[in-house]
N, C-alpha and C. Protein backbone atom coordinates (compact mmCIF):
# COMPACT_ATOMS: atom_id res chain seq x y z
N MET A 1 118.43 288.15 22.09
CA MET A 1 118.83 288.89 20.91
C MET A 1 118.67 290.40 21.14
N LYS A 2 117.59 290.77 21.85
CA LYS A 2 117.34 292.18 22.12
C LYS A 2 118.45 292.76 22.99
N HIS A 3 118.94 291.96 23.97
CA HIS A 3 120.01 292.41 24.85
C HIS A 3 121.31 292.59 24.07
N LEU A 4 121.57 291.72 23.13
CA LEU A 4 122.77 291.82 22.31
C LEU A 4 122.77 293.10 21.50
N THR A 5 121.63 293.45 20.94
CA THR A 5 121.51 294.69 20.17
C THR A 5 121.77 295.90 21.07
N SER A 6 121.22 295.88 22.27
CA SER A 6 121.42 296.98 23.22
C SER A 6 122.89 297.09 23.61
N ILE A 7 123.52 295.97 23.86
CA ILE A 7 124.94 295.97 24.24
C ILE A 7 125.79 296.49 23.09
N LEU A 8 125.51 296.07 21.88
CA LEU A 8 126.27 296.55 20.72
C LEU A 8 126.08 298.05 20.52
N ALA A 9 124.88 298.54 20.74
CA ALA A 9 124.61 299.97 20.61
C ALA A 9 125.40 300.77 21.63
N VAL A 10 125.44 300.31 22.85
CA VAL A 10 126.20 300.99 23.91
C VAL A 10 127.70 300.97 23.59
N LEU A 11 128.21 299.83 23.16
CA LEU A 11 129.63 299.73 22.80
C LEU A 11 129.98 300.67 21.65
N PHE A 12 129.09 300.78 20.67
CA PHE A 12 129.32 301.67 19.54
C PHE A 12 129.40 303.12 20.02
N ILE A 13 128.49 303.52 20.87
CA ILE A 13 128.48 304.90 21.39
C ILE A 13 129.73 305.18 22.21
N LEU A 14 130.15 304.22 23.02
CA LEU A 14 131.36 304.39 23.82
C LEU A 14 132.62 304.45 22.97
N ALA A 15 132.62 303.80 21.83
CA ALA A 15 133.80 303.76 20.96
C ALA A 15 133.94 305.00 20.09
N LEU A 16 132.88 305.78 19.92
CA LEU A 16 132.94 306.94 19.04
C LEU A 16 134.05 307.93 19.38
N PRO A 17 134.24 308.33 20.65
CA PRO A 17 135.33 309.27 20.93
C PRO A 17 136.70 308.73 20.55
N ALA A 18 136.96 307.46 20.76
CA ALA A 18 138.24 306.87 20.42
C ALA A 18 138.45 306.86 18.91
N VAL A 19 137.41 306.53 18.17
CA VAL A 19 137.50 306.52 16.71
C VAL A 19 137.73 307.93 16.21
N SER A 20 137.00 308.88 16.76
CA SER A 20 137.13 310.28 16.37
C SER A 20 138.54 310.79 16.63
N SER A 21 139.09 310.46 17.80
CA SER A 21 140.45 310.87 18.15
C SER A 21 141.47 310.23 17.21
N ALA A 22 141.29 308.98 16.88
CA ALA A 22 142.21 308.29 15.97
C ALA A 22 142.15 308.91 14.58
N GLN A 23 140.96 309.26 14.12
CA GLN A 23 140.84 309.89 12.82
C GLN A 23 141.50 311.26 12.82
N CYS A 24 141.36 312.01 13.90
CA CYS A 24 141.97 313.32 14.01
C CYS A 24 143.50 313.19 14.02
N ARG A 25 144.00 312.23 14.77
CA ARG A 25 145.45 311.98 14.82
C ARG A 25 145.98 311.60 13.44
N SER A 26 145.23 310.75 12.73
CA SER A 26 145.62 310.34 11.39
C SER A 26 145.63 311.52 10.43
N PHE A 27 144.62 312.38 10.53
CA PHE A 27 144.56 313.59 9.69
C PHE A 27 145.79 314.46 9.93
N ALA A 28 146.11 314.71 11.21
CA ALA A 28 147.25 315.56 11.54
C ALA A 28 148.56 314.96 11.05
N LYS A 29 148.70 313.66 11.22
CA LYS A 29 149.93 312.99 10.79
C LYS A 29 150.11 313.06 9.28
N ASN A 30 149.04 312.79 8.54
CA ASN A 30 149.14 312.73 7.09
C ASN A 30 149.09 314.09 6.40
N LYS A 31 148.31 315.01 6.91
CA LYS A 31 148.11 316.29 6.23
C LYS A 31 148.89 317.45 6.82
N CYS A 32 149.20 317.39 8.10
CA CYS A 32 149.84 318.52 8.77
C CYS A 32 151.35 318.36 8.94
N MET A 33 151.78 317.16 9.27
CA MET A 33 153.19 316.91 9.57
C MET A 33 154.16 317.38 8.49
N PRO A 34 153.84 317.23 7.19
CA PRO A 34 154.80 317.70 6.18
C PRO A 34 155.12 319.19 6.29
N SER A 35 154.20 319.98 6.85
CA SER A 35 154.43 321.43 7.00
C SER A 35 155.36 321.76 8.15
N MET A 36 155.75 320.78 8.94
CA MET A 36 156.67 321.02 10.06
C MET A 36 158.11 321.19 9.59
N ALA A 37 158.45 320.64 8.44
CA ALA A 37 159.83 320.71 7.95
C ALA A 37 160.26 322.16 7.78
N PRO A 38 161.47 322.50 8.16
CA PRO A 38 162.61 321.69 8.61
C PRO A 38 162.65 321.49 10.13
N TYR A 39 161.57 321.83 10.82
CA TYR A 39 161.52 321.65 12.28
C TYR A 39 161.20 320.20 12.62
N LYS A 40 161.68 319.77 13.79
CA LYS A 40 161.43 318.41 14.25
C LYS A 40 160.20 318.43 15.16
N PHE A 41 159.23 317.58 14.86
CA PHE A 41 158.01 317.49 15.66
C PHE A 41 158.37 317.00 17.04
N ASN A 42 157.87 317.68 18.09
CA ASN A 42 158.25 317.32 19.46
C ASN A 42 157.35 316.25 20.08
N GLU A 43 156.50 315.64 19.26
CA GLU A 43 155.62 314.55 19.69
C GLU A 43 154.48 315.00 20.58
N THR A 44 154.34 316.32 20.79
CA THR A 44 153.20 316.83 21.54
C THR A 44 152.08 317.06 20.55
N PHE A 45 151.01 316.30 20.71
CA PHE A 45 149.88 316.38 19.79
C PHE A 45 148.65 316.86 20.54
N ASN A 46 148.13 317.98 20.12
CA ASN A 46 146.90 318.51 20.69
C ASN A 46 145.92 318.68 19.54
N ALA A 47 144.75 318.12 19.70
CA ALA A 47 143.75 318.24 18.64
C ALA A 47 142.36 318.17 19.25
N ALA A 48 141.42 318.71 18.51
CA ALA A 48 140.03 318.67 18.94
C ALA A 48 139.13 318.61 17.73
N GLN A 49 137.99 317.97 17.92
CA GLN A 49 136.94 317.98 16.90
C GLN A 49 136.09 319.21 17.20
N LEU A 50 136.07 320.16 16.26
CA LEU A 50 135.33 321.40 16.47
C LEU A 50 134.33 321.63 15.35
N ALA A 51 133.28 322.35 15.69
CA ALA A 51 132.24 322.73 14.74
C ALA A 51 132.28 324.25 14.59
N PRO A 52 131.72 324.78 13.51
CA PRO A 52 131.66 326.23 13.35
C PRO A 52 131.02 326.89 14.57
N GLY A 53 131.67 327.96 15.04
CA GLY A 53 131.20 328.68 16.22
C GLY A 53 131.84 328.22 17.51
N GLU A 54 132.60 327.12 17.49
CA GLU A 54 133.24 326.62 18.70
C GLU A 54 134.65 327.16 18.85
N GLU A 55 135.14 327.13 20.09
CA GLU A 55 136.47 327.61 20.43
C GLU A 55 137.19 326.57 21.27
N ALA A 56 138.51 326.66 21.27
CA ALA A 56 139.33 325.78 22.12
C ALA A 56 140.59 326.54 22.49
N GLN A 57 141.18 326.17 23.61
CA GLN A 57 142.42 326.79 24.05
C GLN A 57 143.31 325.72 24.67
N VAL A 58 144.60 325.84 24.40
CA VAL A 58 145.57 324.92 24.99
C VAL A 58 146.78 325.75 25.45
N ASP A 59 147.30 325.39 26.62
CA ASP A 59 148.50 326.04 27.16
C ASP A 59 149.69 325.14 26.88
N LEU A 60 150.76 325.75 26.37
CA LEU A 60 151.97 325.01 26.02
C LEU A 60 153.18 325.69 26.65
N THR A 61 154.18 324.91 27.01
CA THR A 61 155.41 325.46 27.58
C THR A 61 156.49 325.49 26.51
N PHE A 62 157.16 326.63 26.42
CA PHE A 62 158.26 326.81 25.47
C PHE A 62 159.50 327.17 26.28
N TYR A 63 160.65 326.60 25.89
CA TYR A 63 161.88 326.72 26.67
C TYR A 63 162.84 327.74 26.07
N SER A 64 163.54 328.44 26.95
CA SER A 64 164.42 329.54 26.55
C SER A 64 165.48 329.11 25.54
N GLY A 65 165.74 330.01 24.61
CA GLY A 65 166.78 329.80 23.62
C GLY A 65 166.43 328.85 22.49
N GLN A 66 165.27 328.26 22.51
CA GLN A 66 164.87 327.28 21.49
C GLN A 66 164.06 327.95 20.39
N GLU A 67 164.32 327.53 19.15
CA GLU A 67 163.53 328.01 18.00
C GLU A 67 162.38 327.04 17.76
N TYR A 68 161.17 327.59 17.59
CA TYR A 68 159.98 326.78 17.46
C TYR A 68 159.18 327.10 16.21
N ARG A 69 158.41 326.12 15.78
CA ARG A 69 157.36 326.31 14.79
C ARG A 69 156.07 325.82 15.43
N LEU A 70 155.10 326.71 15.50
CA LEU A 70 153.77 326.37 15.98
C LEU A 70 152.89 326.26 14.73
N LEU A 71 152.27 325.11 14.56
CA LEU A 71 151.46 324.84 13.37
C LEU A 71 150.04 324.54 13.80
N VAL A 72 149.09 325.25 13.21
CA VAL A 72 147.67 324.99 13.44
C VAL A 72 147.09 324.54 12.11
N CYS A 73 146.55 323.35 12.12
CA CYS A 73 146.11 322.70 10.90
C CYS A 73 144.65 322.29 11.06
N ALA A 74 143.77 322.83 10.23
CA ALA A 74 142.35 322.54 10.33
C ALA A 74 141.88 321.75 9.11
N HIS A 75 140.95 320.85 9.35
CA HIS A 75 140.36 320.07 8.27
C HIS A 75 139.68 321.03 7.28
N PRO A 76 139.84 320.81 5.98
CA PRO A 76 139.26 321.71 4.98
C PRO A 76 137.75 321.95 5.12
N ILE A 77 137.03 321.00 5.71
CA ILE A 77 135.58 321.16 5.87
C ILE A 77 135.25 322.37 6.76
N LEU A 78 136.21 322.77 7.63
CA LEU A 78 136.00 323.92 8.51
C LEU A 78 136.38 325.24 7.87
N GLY A 79 137.11 325.18 6.77
CA GLY A 79 137.62 326.41 6.16
C GLY A 79 138.79 326.93 6.98
N ASN A 80 139.06 328.21 6.84
CA ASN A 80 140.16 328.82 7.59
C ASN A 80 139.68 329.16 9.00
N VAL A 81 140.48 328.79 9.99
CA VAL A 81 140.14 329.09 11.37
C VAL A 81 140.96 330.27 11.86
N ASN A 82 140.46 330.95 12.86
CA ASN A 82 141.20 332.03 13.53
C ASN A 82 142.00 331.40 14.65
N TRP A 83 143.26 331.83 14.82
CA TRP A 83 144.02 331.36 15.96
C TRP A 83 145.00 332.42 16.41
N GLN A 84 145.33 332.33 17.70
CA GLN A 84 146.17 333.35 18.31
C GLN A 84 147.10 332.70 19.32
N LEU A 85 148.34 333.19 19.36
CA LEU A 85 149.31 332.79 20.37
C LEU A 85 149.44 333.98 21.32
N ALA A 86 149.24 333.72 22.62
CA ALA A 86 149.29 334.80 23.60
C ALA A 86 150.15 334.42 24.78
N ASP A 87 150.71 335.45 25.44
CA ASP A 87 151.52 335.19 26.63
C ASP A 87 150.61 335.07 27.85
N ALA A 88 151.21 334.89 29.03
CA ALA A 88 150.45 334.66 30.26
C ALA A 88 149.54 335.83 30.62
N SER A 89 149.89 337.04 30.18
CA SER A 89 149.06 338.20 30.49
C SER A 89 147.94 338.39 29.46
N GLY A 90 147.91 337.53 28.44
CA GLY A 90 146.87 337.64 27.40
C GLY A 90 147.26 338.48 26.21
N LYS A 91 148.49 338.99 26.21
CA LYS A 91 148.96 339.81 25.10
C LYS A 91 149.20 338.92 23.88
N ALA A 92 148.61 339.30 22.74
CA ALA A 92 148.76 338.53 21.51
C ALA A 92 150.18 338.67 20.97
N LEU A 93 150.83 337.53 20.75
CA LEU A 93 152.17 337.51 20.16
C LEU A 93 152.10 337.24 18.66
N PHE A 94 151.04 336.57 18.25
CA PHE A 94 150.82 336.25 16.84
C PHE A 94 149.34 335.98 16.66
N GLU A 95 148.83 336.37 15.48
CA GLU A 95 147.42 336.12 15.20
C GLU A 95 147.23 335.78 13.73
N SER A 96 146.43 334.78 13.48
CA SER A 96 146.05 334.39 12.14
C SER A 96 144.52 334.44 12.07
N THR A 97 144.01 335.15 11.08
CA THR A 97 142.55 335.25 10.94
C THR A 97 142.11 334.55 9.67
N ALA A 98 140.83 334.25 9.60
CA ALA A 98 140.28 333.59 8.41
C ALA A 98 140.45 334.48 7.19
N ASP A 99 140.48 335.80 7.38
CA ASP A 99 140.67 336.73 6.27
C ASP A 99 142.12 336.80 5.81
N SER A 100 143.04 336.52 6.71
CA SER A 100 144.47 336.55 6.40
C SER A 100 145.13 335.33 7.06
N PRO A 101 144.82 334.12 6.52
CA PRO A 101 145.25 332.89 7.21
C PRO A 101 146.74 332.58 7.06
N LYS A 102 147.28 332.08 8.15
CA LYS A 102 148.65 331.55 8.18
C LYS A 102 148.58 330.27 8.99
N ASP A 103 149.19 329.21 8.49
CA ASP A 103 149.08 327.95 9.21
C ASP A 103 150.17 327.75 10.26
N HIS A 104 151.24 328.58 10.20
CA HIS A 104 152.30 328.39 11.18
C HIS A 104 152.94 329.71 11.57
N PHE A 105 153.66 329.65 12.68
CA PHE A 105 154.40 330.80 13.20
C PHE A 105 155.73 330.28 13.72
N ASP A 106 156.83 330.85 13.22
CA ASP A 106 158.17 330.48 13.66
C ASP A 106 158.67 331.55 14.62
N PHE A 107 159.22 331.12 15.76
CA PHE A 107 159.65 332.09 16.76
C PHE A 107 160.69 331.47 17.69
N LYS A 108 161.34 332.34 18.46
CA LYS A 108 162.31 331.92 19.46
C LYS A 108 161.96 332.63 20.76
N VAL A 109 161.99 331.90 21.88
CA VAL A 109 161.68 332.53 23.16
C VAL A 109 162.96 332.80 23.94
N ALA A 110 162.99 333.97 24.60
CA ALA A 110 164.17 334.36 25.37
C ALA A 110 164.17 333.71 26.74
N THR A 111 162.97 333.49 27.30
CA THR A 111 162.87 332.86 28.61
C THR A 111 161.83 331.74 28.55
N THR A 112 162.00 330.74 29.37
CA THR A 112 161.02 329.65 29.44
C THR A 112 159.70 330.23 29.91
N GLN A 113 158.64 329.91 29.18
CA GLN A 113 157.33 330.47 29.52
C GLN A 113 156.20 329.62 28.97
N LYS A 114 155.06 329.80 29.59
CA LYS A 114 153.85 329.12 29.15
C LYS A 114 153.08 330.10 28.26
N LEU A 115 152.72 329.64 27.07
CA LEU A 115 151.94 330.44 26.13
C LEU A 115 150.65 329.71 25.81
N SER A 116 149.62 330.47 25.46
CA SER A 116 148.31 329.90 25.15
C SER A 116 148.02 330.02 23.67
N VAL A 117 147.46 328.96 23.12
CA VAL A 117 146.99 328.97 21.74
C VAL A 117 145.47 328.92 21.82
N HIS A 118 144.83 329.92 21.24
CA HIS A 118 143.38 330.00 21.23
C HIS A 118 142.89 329.80 19.80
N ILE A 119 142.00 328.84 19.60
CA ILE A 119 141.43 328.52 18.29
C ILE A 119 139.97 328.94 18.28
N ASP A 120 139.56 329.57 17.18
CA ASP A 120 138.17 329.99 17.02
C ASP A 120 137.73 329.60 15.61
N VAL A 121 136.74 328.72 15.51
CA VAL A 121 136.22 328.31 14.20
C VAL A 121 135.05 329.25 13.86
N PRO A 122 135.20 330.05 12.80
CA PRO A 122 134.13 331.00 12.46
C PRO A 122 132.82 330.28 12.13
N GLU A 123 131.72 330.96 12.41
CA GLU A 123 130.40 330.45 12.04
C GLU A 123 130.37 330.29 10.53
N ALA A 124 129.70 329.27 10.07
CA ALA A 124 129.57 329.03 8.63
C ALA A 124 128.10 329.08 8.26
N GLU A 125 127.84 329.51 7.04
CA GLU A 125 126.47 329.47 6.56
C GLU A 125 126.15 328.03 6.18
N ARG A 126 125.09 327.53 6.75
CA ARG A 126 124.70 326.15 6.47
C ARG A 126 123.92 326.10 5.16
N GLY A 127 124.13 325.01 4.46
CA GLY A 127 123.40 324.80 3.21
C GLY A 127 121.95 324.44 3.47
N GLY A 128 121.26 324.08 2.45
CA GLY A 128 119.85 323.73 2.55
C GLY A 128 119.60 322.50 3.41
N ASN A 129 120.61 321.64 3.59
CA ASN A 129 120.40 320.43 4.38
C ASN A 129 120.50 320.69 5.88
N ASN A 130 120.96 321.89 6.26
CA ASN A 130 121.03 322.31 7.67
C ASN A 130 121.90 321.39 8.53
N MET A 131 122.88 320.72 7.93
CA MET A 131 123.75 319.80 8.66
C MET A 131 124.88 320.56 9.35
N LEU A 132 125.22 320.12 10.54
CA LEU A 132 126.33 320.67 11.28
C LEU A 132 127.59 319.92 10.89
N THR A 133 128.64 320.67 10.52
CA THR A 133 129.89 320.02 10.14
C THR A 133 130.87 320.09 11.31
N VAL A 134 131.62 319.02 11.49
CA VAL A 134 132.63 318.94 12.54
C VAL A 134 133.92 318.50 11.88
N GLY A 135 135.02 319.13 12.26
CA GLY A 135 136.31 318.77 11.68
C GLY A 135 137.41 318.85 12.72
N CYS A 136 138.52 318.27 12.39
CA CYS A 136 139.68 318.21 13.27
C CYS A 136 140.51 319.49 13.15
N VAL A 137 140.95 320.00 14.29
CA VAL A 137 141.92 321.08 14.33
C VAL A 137 143.09 320.58 15.17
N GLY A 138 144.26 320.53 14.55
CA GLY A 138 145.46 320.05 15.24
C GLY A 138 146.41 321.18 15.55
N ILE A 139 147.05 321.11 16.71
CA ILE A 139 148.08 322.07 17.10
C ILE A 139 149.35 321.27 17.30
N LEU A 140 150.35 321.55 16.48
CA LEU A 140 151.61 320.81 16.54
C LEU A 140 152.74 321.77 16.82
N VAL A 141 153.75 321.31 17.55
CA VAL A 141 154.90 322.12 17.89
C VAL A 141 156.15 321.39 17.42
N GLY A 142 157.02 322.14 16.75
CA GLY A 142 158.30 321.61 16.31
C GLY A 142 159.43 322.51 16.78
N TYR A 143 160.64 321.97 16.79
CA TYR A 143 161.79 322.75 17.22
C TYR A 143 162.96 322.46 16.29
N LYS A 144 163.91 323.40 16.26
CA LYS A 144 165.13 323.21 15.48
C LYS A 144 166.18 322.57 16.36
N GLU A 145 166.87 321.60 15.77
CA GLU A 145 167.93 320.92 16.53
C GLU A 145 169.23 321.66 16.40
C-alpha cells in the first residue's frame, strides 16, 4: 500500500505540467480567440505559466506582404502585462505597458523576417496571505486571407 501511494504521488507530480498546459490552452481558446476576429488564427499557439516578476520571449516568423494580428492575452489574475514586439536588431516595433495596455497589434511586413515578442509580468504586491500567483499568458498570431 505504501508503494502504491508513492507511485501515485510521482504520477501526480509528473502530470502537473500537462494539466497546466491544457488549462492554459483552454484559457487561450475560450478567452483570447474571440479577439482574433476578423483575422484567421494560424494555429501557432505559444503560452507560458508566469508569475509576477517573470519574463518570457518567443521568436516568430512573419512573411512578406501578409497582414497580421499579434495578440497577447494574460489571465486576469496577473493583471496587465508589459509586452513588446522587436525586430532582429532589438528595435521595438510596438510596445504595450501595464500603464497603457493593448492586447493586440495589427501590422503588415514588407519582407519575411523573424520578430521577437518579449513578455514581462510586473511585480505585484502580495496580500496578507503571501501567496504567489501564477497565470497563463498566451501569444496568438492571426492573418488576413
